[in-house]
């Protein structure tokens, strides 16, 4: 086979990055808005709803360990092809679910694939666009935000028009389209130049910068996955919102990530001093959102939800820092796996804890206080990131 011209290869790589990013949250935001529709066919007790809510961060935490070795052994492209096949299978499986167990299994399968994609996308950016990290990160992080908002925005209208099964299963088509550019760059990928390997992921614990990135990613994960799992129900029970309003406000929460996804990666790439300032802004907005829903008027709920949505401004920062604070692609992979592993493990615990809070107290006040503490506490990462250190240097 004739070798693909470099320009064409980069175009296919960009298409693969964009399409893959559009798939990375479709299984997350599309489920909670249609829970009531699913319950008409399948029994879903509150504990099961909690397990489905915790499925996303749990799968993402597990997948960080699944991504590292195959990517180094078989290459990023082949690993991502298998990842997309898993996403497709998961979407279809949960669309055909006959009970709560099959719904959970299908969700976990698609989410595990998405979790591997979370880890490997920064590596793909580094491989094909090493001199345009800020710009390409901005594009793919924006596409990820669109993925999150699309899943929740289209969930109820499609369920109303064609049923919840099509609402959940429709995203398999988008995943299938992603295979086309991935297979193209896989067929034309050059042999990897082996880079020095870190002494396993345990070494990352010795890096204060990697720990700070983990805290940054952790805050965004807690806010994101607690909201995707519980925000519609919280708004319905806490402020008396309708089901449509709950789904729409969840979409607003997700949409707030769009402008910051465009701005933050470019800003972080050009101005190192902005790293800590972005952390402080994110912590402030998250705190205002949580306190506003606790004490503010219900008529301003959309304002406070918008502030909650600006809380995870650290999300595009964390994904960009995987590259900006690493000197080699091997370090990018290790920091990405470590940071996302820590953050999604924390998010898993918090989503589960929120379910317990709801069962024990019958309300949502304790959950909102928890979000406030997480937001305010995450500001400590800004102190370390202000030092502008590289992970590689801290481990040498």
Protein backbone atom coordinates (compact mmCIF):
# COMPACT_ATOMS: atom_id res chain seq x y z
CA UNK A 1 0.00 0.00 0.00
CA UNK A 2 1.31 3.45 -0.98
CA UNK A 3 2.17 5.64 1.96
CA UNK A 4 -0.37 8.35 2.68
CA UNK A 5 0.92 11.95 2.23
CA UNK A 6 1.69 13.63 5.54
CA UNK A 7 -0.94 16.33 5.06
CA UNK A 8 -3.64 13.74 4.32
CA UNK A 9 -2.56 11.67 7.32
CA UNK A 10 -2.88 14.71 9.58
CA UNK A 11 -6.35 15.44 8.19
CA UNK A 12 -7.45 11.87 8.95
CA UNK A 13 -5.84 12.15 12.40
CA UNK A 14 -7.76 15.38 13.07
CA UNK A 15 -11.00 13.75 11.92
CA UNK A 16 -10.33 10.77 14.21
CA UNK A 17 -9.62 13.08 17.16
CA UNK A 18 -12.79 15.14 16.58
CA UNK A 19 -15.09 12.14 16.04
CA UNK A 20 -13.65 10.20 18.95
CA UNK A 21 -14.08 13.20 21.25
CA UNK A 22 -17.72 13.49 20.15
CA UNK A 23 -18.23 9.94 21.43
CA UNK A 24 -16.60 10.25 24.84
CA UNK A 25 -19.64 11.40 26.86
CA UNK A 26 -22.68 10.22 24.89
CA UNK A 27 -23.31 7.30 27.25
CA UNK A 28 -22.92 9.57 30.30
CA UNK A 29 -25.48 12.31 29.74
CA UNK A 30 -28.07 10.31 27.81
CA UNK A 31 -29.25 7.99 30.60
CA UNK A 32 -30.38 9.99 33.65
CA UNK A 33 -32.88 12.21 31.74
CA UNK A 34 -34.78 9.12 30.48
CA UNK A 35 -34.79 7.07 33.70
CA UNK A 36 -38.53 7.60 34.13
CA UNK A 37 -39.18 6.31 30.60
CA UNK A 38 -37.04 3.23 31.23
CA UNK A 39 -38.91 2.54 34.47
CA UNK A 40 -42.10 2.05 32.48
CA UNK A 41 -40.53 -1.11 30.97
CA UNK A 42 -37.81 -2.08 33.47
CA UNK A 43 -37.87 -1.94 37.27
CA UNK A 44 -35.17 0.48 38.43
CA UNK A 45 -35.07 0.93 42.23
CA UNK A 46 -33.19 3.95 43.60
CA UNK A 47 -30.15 1.77 44.40
CA UNK A 48 -29.95 0.65 40.76
CA UNK A 49 -30.23 4.25 39.59
CA UNK A 50 -27.33 5.03 41.91
CA UNK A 51 -25.28 2.17 40.40
CA UNK A 52 -26.01 3.44 36.90
CA UNK A 53 -24.94 6.89 38.01
CA UNK A 54 -21.69 5.55 39.43
CA UNK A 55 -21.03 3.46 36.29
CA UNK A 56 -19.35 6.32 34.38
CA UNK A 57 -16.64 7.30 36.87
CA UNK A 58 -16.18 3.64 37.90
CA UNK A 59 -15.65 2.56 34.28
CA UNK A 60 -13.34 5.50 33.63
CA UNK A 61 -11.28 4.64 36.72
CA UNK A 62 -10.95 0.99 35.66
CA UNK A 63 -10.12 1.88 32.06
CA UNK A 64 -7.02 3.87 33.03
CA UNK A 65 -5.34 0.56 33.84
CA UNK A 66 -6.67 -1.01 30.62
CA UNK A 67 -5.25 1.70 28.34
CA UNK A 68 -1.60 1.90 29.38
CA UNK A 69 -0.11 -1.47 28.41
CA UNK A 70 -2.00 -2.10 25.11
CA UNK A 71 -1.17 1.40 23.89
CA UNK A 72 2.54 0.91 24.51
CA UNK A 73 2.59 -2.61 23.07
CA UNK A 74 0.23 -2.38 20.07
CA UNK A 75 0.11 1.35 19.40
CA UNK A 76 -2.42 4.06 20.10
CA UNK A 77 -4.34 3.63 16.82
CA UNK A 78 -5.09 -0.10 17.12
CA UNK A 79 -6.03 0.28 20.78
CA UNK A 80 -8.48 3.03 19.84
CA UNK A 81 -10.06 0.92 17.07
CA UNK A 82 -10.84 -1.79 19.64
CA UNK A 83 -12.05 0.92 22.01
CA UNK A 84 -14.58 2.24 19.49
CA UNK A 85 -15.88 -1.28 18.81
CA UNK A 86 -16.51 -1.65 22.55
CA UNK A 87 -18.40 1.68 22.58
CA UNK A 88 -20.62 0.54 19.70
CA UNK A 89 -21.36 -2.80 21.35
CA UNK A 90 -22.20 -1.10 24.65
CA UNK A 91 -24.65 1.36 23.06
CA UNK A 92 -26.47 -1.43 21.26
CA UNK A 93 -26.50 -3.72 24.29
CA UNK A 94 -28.11 -1.19 26.60
CA UNK A 95 -30.61 -0.18 23.91
CA UNK A 96 -31.73 -3.83 23.89
CA UNK A 97 -31.65 -4.15 27.70
CA UNK A 98 -34.31 -6.42 29.21
CA UNK A 99 -33.57 -5.75 32.90
CA UNK A 100 -31.51 -3.49 35.14
CA UNK A 101 -28.50 -5.84 35.02
CA UNK A 102 -28.27 -5.84 31.22
CA UNK A 103 -28.70 -2.06 31.22
CA UNK A 104 -25.80 -1.76 33.64
CA UNK A 105 -23.59 -4.18 31.66
CA UNK A 106 -24.22 -2.34 28.40
CA UNK A 107 -23.49 0.99 30.06
CA UNK A 108 -20.24 -0.31 31.56
CA UNK A 109 -19.07 -1.70 28.20
CA UNK A 110 -19.56 1.57 26.34
CA UNK A 111 -18.16 3.59 29.25
CA UNK A 112 -15.03 1.42 29.51
CA UNK A 113 -14.39 2.16 25.85
CA UNK A 114 -14.90 5.85 26.44
CA UNK A 115 -12.57 5.73 29.43
CA UNK A 116 -9.75 4.29 27.32
CA UNK A 117 -10.43 7.04 24.80
CA UNK A 118 -10.10 9.62 27.60
CA UNK A 119 -6.59 8.39 28.36
CA UNK A 120 -5.36 7.99 24.78
CA UNK A 121 -6.70 11.13 23.11
CA UNK A 122 -3.99 13.39 24.61
CA UNK A 123 -1.40 10.87 23.36
CA UNK A 124 -2.90 10.97 19.86
CA UNK A 125 -2.71 14.78 19.93
CA UNK A 126 0.95 14.64 21.00
CA UNK A 127 1.80 12.11 18.27
CA UNK A 128 0.25 13.88 15.28
CA UNK A 129 0.26 17.54 16.38
CA UNK A 130 3.24 18.03 18.74
CA UNK A 131 3.58 21.71 17.80
CA UNK A 132 -0.13 22.57 18.03
CA UNK A 133 -1.08 21.08 21.38
CA UNK A 134 -3.09 24.08 22.58
CA UNK A 135 -5.16 24.46 19.40
CA UNK A 136 -5.90 20.76 18.89
CA UNK A 137 -6.63 20.26 22.59
CA UNK A 138 -9.09 23.14 22.37
CA UNK A 139 -10.87 21.45 19.46
CA UNK A 140 -11.16 17.99 20.99
CA UNK A 141 -12.10 19.21 24.47
CA UNK A 142 -14.84 21.34 22.91
CA UNK A 143 -16.08 18.28 21.04
CA UNK A 144 -16.11 16.37 24.34
CA UNK A 145 -18.24 19.13 25.89
CA UNK A 146 -20.61 18.94 22.90
CA UNK A 147 -20.77 15.18 23.43
CA UNK A 148 -21.81 15.68 27.05
CA UNK A 149 -24.49 18.26 26.27
CA UNK A 150 -25.81 16.39 23.22
CA UNK A 151 -26.42 13.22 25.18
CA UNK A 152 -28.61 14.99 27.72
CA UNK A 153 -30.22 17.48 25.29
CA UNK A 154 -31.50 14.91 22.79
CA UNK A 155 -32.35 12.20 25.31
CA UNK A 156 -35.91 13.26 26.24
CA UNK A 157 -37.08 14.51 22.78
CA UNK A 158 -35.97 11.26 21.09
CA UNK A 159 -37.46 9.16 23.91
CA UNK A 160 -40.76 11.05 23.53
CA UNK A 161 -40.78 10.58 19.76
CA UNK A 162 -39.38 7.07 19.33
CA UNK A 163 -38.87 5.50 22.75
CA UNK A 164 -36.00 5.25 25.21
CA UNK A 165 -34.30 2.38 23.36
CA UNK A 166 -33.63 4.50 20.28
CA UNK A 167 -32.69 7.41 22.55
CA UNK A 168 -29.90 5.28 24.06
CA UNK A 169 -28.94 3.32 20.94
CA UNK A 170 -28.73 6.17 18.41
CA UNK A 171 -25.18 7.00 19.48
CA UNK A 172 -23.82 3.72 18.07
CA UNK A 173 -24.00 5.27 14.58
CA UNK A 174 -21.74 8.16 15.58
CA UNK A 175 -19.26 5.69 17.06
CA UNK A 176 -19.31 3.63 13.86
CA UNK A 177 -18.36 6.71 11.79
CA UNK A 178 -15.30 7.16 14.01
CA UNK A 179 -13.85 3.88 12.75
CA UNK A 180 -13.28 5.30 9.25
CA UNK A 181 -10.50 7.83 10.02
CA UNK A 182 -9.09 5.62 12.78
CA UNK A 183 -8.62 2.71 10.39
CA UNK A 184 -7.06 5.08 7.84
CA UNK A 185 -4.38 6.35 10.22
CA UNK A 186 -3.88 2.84 11.63
CA UNK A 187 -3.13 1.53 8.12
CA UNK A 188 -0.62 4.31 7.51
CA UNK A 189 0.90 4.73 10.96
CA UNK A 190 4.67 4.60 11.21
CA UNK A 191 6.52 2.42 13.69
CA UNK A 192 6.70 3.91 17.12
CA UNK A 193 10.03 5.26 18.29
CA UNK A 194 10.42 3.79 21.74
CA UNK A 195 10.73 6.51 24.33
CA UNK A 196 12.23 6.08 27.78
CA UNK A 197 9.67 4.35 29.96
CA UNK A 198 8.83 5.68 33.40
CA UNK A 199 9.31 3.27 36.25
CA UNK A 200 5.65 2.35 36.18
CA UNK A 201 2.78 4.50 37.35
CA UNK A 202 3.83 4.32 40.99
CA UNK A 203 6.65 6.73 40.17
CA UNK A 204 4.08 9.36 39.31
CA UNK A 205 3.12 9.62 42.98
CA UNK A 206 6.51 11.24 43.59
CA UNK A 207 5.62 14.17 41.33
CA UNK A 208 3.84 17.08 43.08
CA UNK A 209 2.80 18.41 39.68
CA UNK A 210 1.18 15.09 38.72
CA UNK A 211 -0.64 15.10 42.06
CA UNK A 212 -1.85 18.65 41.41
CA UNK A 213 -3.12 17.61 37.99
CA UNK A 214 -4.92 14.72 39.69
CA UNK A 215 -6.62 17.17 42.08
CA UNK A 216 -7.62 19.40 39.16
CA UNK A 217 -9.05 16.44 37.25
CA UNK A 218 -10.67 15.12 40.43
CA UNK A 219 -12.67 18.29 41.04
CA UNK A 220 -14.02 18.28 37.48
CA UNK A 221 -14.91 14.60 37.70
CA UNK A 222 -16.78 14.95 40.98
CA UNK A 223 -18.78 17.93 39.70
CA UNK A 224 -19.38 16.35 36.30
CA UNK A 225 -20.44 12.87 37.35
CA UNK A 226 -22.40 13.84 40.43
CA UNK A 227 -24.30 16.25 38.17
CA UNK A 228 -24.84 13.79 35.32
CA UNK A 229 -26.04 11.14 37.76
CA UNK A 230 -28.13 13.23 40.13
CA UNK A 231 -28.67 16.84 38.98
CA UNK A 232 -32.06 16.32 37.23
CA UNK A 233 -33.45 14.44 40.26
CA UNK A 234 -31.88 16.99 42.64
CA UNK A 235 -33.54 19.88 40.81
CA UNK A 236 -36.90 18.12 40.63
CA UNK A 237 -36.94 17.34 44.35
CA UNK A 238 -35.01 20.34 45.73
CA UNK A 239 -36.53 23.24 43.76
CA UNK A 240 -39.62 21.64 42.21
CA UNK A 241 -38.40 21.59 38.60
CA UNK A 242 -40.25 19.54 35.97
CA UNK A 243 -38.64 16.58 34.22
CA UNK A 244 -38.10 18.68 31.09
CA UNK A 245 -36.57 21.51 33.13
CA UNK A 246 -34.31 19.03 34.91
CA UNK A 247 -33.01 17.66 31.59
CA UNK A 248 -32.67 21.16 30.11
CA UNK A 249 -30.72 22.43 33.13
CA UNK A 250 -28.43 19.41 32.91
CA UNK A 251 -27.83 20.36 29.27
CA UNK A 252 -27.09 23.93 30.42
CA UNK A 253 -24.59 22.55 32.93
CA UNK A 254 -22.84 20.66 30.13
CA UNK A 255 -23.04 23.52 27.61
CA UNK A 256 -21.20 25.86 29.99
CA UNK A 257 -18.13 23.78 29.24
CA UNK A 258 -18.15 24.81 25.57
CA UNK A 259 -16.72 28.35 25.78
CA UNK A 260 -14.07 27.40 28.34
CA UNK A 261 -13.12 24.36 26.24
CA UNK A 262 -12.32 26.73 23.38
CA UNK A 263 -10.44 29.28 25.46
CA UNK A 264 -8.66 27.43 28.27
CA UNK A 265 -6.34 25.09 26.27
CA UNK A 266 -5.06 27.94 24.07
CA UNK A 267 -4.70 30.22 27.09
CA UNK A 268 -2.85 27.53 29.06
CA UNK A 269 -0.54 26.83 26.10
CA UNK A 270 0.39 30.49 25.58
CA UNK A 271 0.49 31.77 29.16
CA UNK A 272 1.89 29.52 31.88
CA UNK A 273 0.85 32.03 34.52
CA UNK A 274 -2.77 31.34 33.66
CA UNK A 275 -2.66 27.76 35.01
CA UNK A 276 -3.15 28.67 38.67
CA UNK A 277 -5.60 31.51 37.84
CA UNK A 278 -7.83 29.07 35.95
CA UNK A 279 -7.86 26.78 38.99
CA UNK A 280 -8.92 29.65 41.28
CA UNK A 281 -11.66 30.77 38.85
CA UNK A 282 -13.00 27.23 38.59
CA UNK A 283 -13.04 26.76 42.37
CA UNK A 284 -14.85 30.08 42.85
CA UNK A 285 -17.56 29.35 40.27
CA UNK A 286 -18.20 25.86 41.65
CA UNK A 287 -18.51 27.25 45.17
CA UNK A 288 -20.97 29.96 44.07
CA UNK A 289 -23.09 27.39 42.22
CA UNK A 290 -23.35 25.03 45.18
CA UNK A 291 -24.09 27.79 47.70
CA UNK A 292 -26.60 29.38 45.32
CA UNK A 293 -28.65 26.19 45.03
CA UNK A 294 -28.50 25.88 48.81
CA UNK A 295 -29.54 29.42 49.77
CA UNK A 296 -30.53 31.30 46.61
CA UNK A 297 -34.00 31.87 45.14
CA UNK A 298 -35.35 29.08 42.91
CA UNK A 299 -36.04 31.61 40.16
CA UNK A 300 -32.27 31.96 39.74
CA UNK A 301 -31.62 28.20 39.63
CA UNK A 302 -30.43 28.47 36.03
CA UNK A 303 -27.77 31.00 37.10
CA UNK A 304 -26.50 28.73 39.83
CA UNK A 305 -26.52 25.69 37.52
CA UNK A 306 -24.51 27.76 35.02
CA UNK A 307 -21.99 28.52 37.78
CA UNK A 308 -21.83 24.80 38.59
CA UNK A 309 -21.11 24.23 34.89
CA UNK A 310 -18.23 26.70 35.04
CA UNK A 311 -16.83 24.86 38.07
CA UNK A 312 -15.28 22.16 35.86
CA UNK A 313 -13.31 24.82 33.95
CA UNK A 314 -10.38 22.82 35.27
CA UNK A 315 -11.36 19.94 32.96
CA UNK A 316 -9.84 21.39 29.75
CA UNK A 317 -6.92 22.66 31.81
CA UNK A 318 -6.17 19.17 33.18
CA UNK A 319 -6.32 17.53 29.74
CA UNK A 320 -4.01 20.19 28.31
CA UNK A 321 -1.57 19.90 31.23
CA UNK A 322 -1.06 16.20 30.46
CA UNK A 323 0.94 17.43 27.47
CA UNK A 324 2.20 20.81 28.70
CA UNK A 325 3.80 19.39 31.86
CA UNK A 326 5.32 16.31 30.12
CA UNK A 327 8.48 16.18 28.01
CA UNK A 328 7.85 12.83 26.25
CA UNK A 329 4.86 10.91 24.88
CA UNK A 330 5.52 8.13 27.39
CA UNK A 331 5.11 10.65 30.20
CA UNK A 332 1.91 12.01 28.64
CA UNK A 333 0.46 8.49 28.67
CA UNK A 334 1.56 7.84 32.25
CA UNK A 335 0.32 11.20 33.60
CA UNK A 336 -2.96 10.85 31.70
CA UNK A 337 -3.57 7.36 33.10
CA UNK A 338 -2.57 8.44 36.62
CA UNK A 339 -4.51 11.71 36.72
CA UNK A 340 -7.67 10.21 35.29
CA UNK A 341 -7.37 7.11 37.47
CA UNK A 342 -7.21 9.21 40.64
CA UNK A 343 -9.98 11.57 39.56
CA UNK A 344 -12.47 8.95 38.42
CA UNK A 345 -11.89 6.80 41.49
CA UNK A 346 -12.71 9.85 43.61
CA UNK A 347 -15.76 10.62 41.46
CA UNK A 348 -16.99 7.02 41.82
CA UNK A 349 -16.89 7.29 45.60
CA UNK A 350 -18.60 10.68 45.59
CA UNK A 351 -21.43 9.63 43.26
CA UNK A 352 -22.09 6.61 45.47
CA UNK A 353 -21.88 8.77 48.60
CA UNK A 354 -24.45 11.20 47.19
CA UNK A 355 -26.88 8.30 46.77
CA UNK A 356 -26.37 7.37 50.41
CA UNK A 357 -26.88 11.00 51.49
CA UNK A 358 -30.18 11.10 49.58
CA UNK A 359 -31.41 7.84 51.12
CA UNK A 360 -30.41 8.77 54.68
CA UNK A 361 -31.48 12.44 54.77
CA UNK A 362 -34.27 12.43 52.17
CA UNK A 363 -32.89 15.71 50.79
CA UNK A 364 -30.01 17.24 48.85
CA UNK A 365 -28.53 19.81 51.25
CA UNK A 366 -25.64 17.55 52.29
CA UNK A 367 -24.79 16.89 48.63
CA UNK A 368 -24.61 20.61 47.85
CA UNK A 369 -22.35 21.17 50.87
CA UNK A 370 -20.14 18.35 49.59
CA UNK A 371 -19.83 20.05 46.19
CA UNK A 372 -18.91 23.31 47.90
CA UNK A 373 -16.14 21.65 49.94
CA UNK A 374 -14.74 19.89 46.84
CA UNK A 375 -14.73 23.13 44.84
CA UNK A 376 -13.14 25.25 47.56
CA UNK A 377 -10.59 22.57 48.45
CA UNK A 378 -9.41 22.13 44.86
CA UNK A 379 -7.93 25.62 44.87
CA UNK A 380 -4.87 24.17 46.65
CA UNK A 381 -3.73 22.71 43.31
CA UNK A 382 -3.20 26.23 42.01
CA UNK A 383 -0.29 26.72 44.42
CA UNK A 384 1.68 23.82 42.92
CA UNK A 385 0.80 24.62 39.31
CA UNK A 386 2.08 28.17 39.79
CA UNK A 387 5.61 26.67 40.00
CA UNK A 388 5.54 25.61 36.30
CA UNK A 389 7.42 22.33 36.88
CA UNK A 390 7.58 19.35 34.49
CA UNK A 391 6.63 15.90 35.76
CA UNK A 392 9.72 14.34 34.11
CA UNK A 393 12.04 16.71 35.97
CA UNK A 394 10.41 15.98 39.33
CA UNK A 395 10.89 12.25 38.78
CA UNK A 396 14.52 12.39 37.61
